Protein backbone atom coordinates (compact mmCIF):
# COMPACT_ATOMS: atom_id res chain seq x y z
CA MET A 1 -4.08 1.74 -14.19
CA LEU A 2 -1.73 -0.91 -15.51
CA THR A 3 1.21 0.59 -13.62
CA THR A 4 -0.75 0.75 -10.37
CA SER A 5 -1.86 -2.86 -10.65
CA ALA A 6 1.60 -4.11 -11.59
CA GLY A 7 3.20 -2.05 -8.83
CA GLN A 8 0.85 -3.36 -6.18
CA ALA A 9 1.44 -6.95 -7.25
CA THR A 10 5.21 -6.52 -7.31
CA LEU A 11 5.33 -4.83 -3.93
CA ALA A 12 3.00 -7.45 -2.40
CA VAL A 13 5.44 -10.16 -3.47
CA LEU A 14 8.31 -8.23 -1.89
CA ALA A 15 6.30 -7.76 1.32
CA GLY A 16 5.64 -11.50 1.44
CA GLN A 17 9.29 -12.36 0.85
CA SER A 18 10.54 -10.02 3.55
CA ALA A 19 8.49 -11.75 6.27
CA PRO A 20 8.98 -15.25 7.65
CA ALA A 21 6.94 -17.91 5.86
CA SER A 22 4.56 -18.29 8.79
CA GLN A 23 3.71 -14.58 8.64
CA ASN A 24 3.30 -14.18 4.86
CA PRO A 25 -0.51 -13.86 4.96
CA THR A 26 -0.29 -11.20 7.67
CA ALA A 27 2.43 -9.27 5.82
CA ILE A 28 0.46 -9.26 2.57
CA GLY A 29 -2.73 -8.30 4.39
CA LEU A 30 -1.06 -5.37 6.15
CA PHE A 31 0.51 -4.27 2.88
CA ASN A 32 -2.88 -4.26 1.18
CA LEU A 33 -4.42 -2.37 4.10
CA GLY A 34 -1.74 0.31 3.90
CA TYR A 35 -2.09 0.51 0.13
CA GLN A 36 -5.84 1.02 0.33
CA LEU A 37 -5.64 3.49 3.22
CA GLY A 38 -3.14 5.50 1.20
CA GLY A 39 -5.63 5.69 -1.62
CA ALA A 40 -8.40 6.66 0.76
CA PHE A 41 -6.60 9.29 2.84
CA GLY A 42 -3.85 10.40 0.44
CA PRO A 43 -5.93 12.85 -1.60
CA ALA A 44 -7.33 14.49 1.54
CA ILE A 45 -3.89 14.86 3.08
CA ALA A 46 -2.47 16.21 -0.19
CA ALA A 47 -5.29 18.76 -0.39
CA LEU A 48 -4.59 19.91 3.16
CA VAL A 49 -0.90 20.29 2.41
CA VAL A 50 -1.43 22.16 -0.88
CA LEU A 51 -4.17 24.43 0.45
CA GLY A 52 -2.26 25.08 3.67
CA GLY A 53 -5.26 24.21 5.80
């Protein structure tokens, strides 16, 4: 849990730094959306891949 939290915070800072200052809120918001969608859909996709379905 600690690694996940630290990783998300670190990557959010990198996402904010890679965008122009005027677009920082949008970049961080899109990063968080992708992070959460990965957690929501990742297990289902992994199960489909492993089970070959």
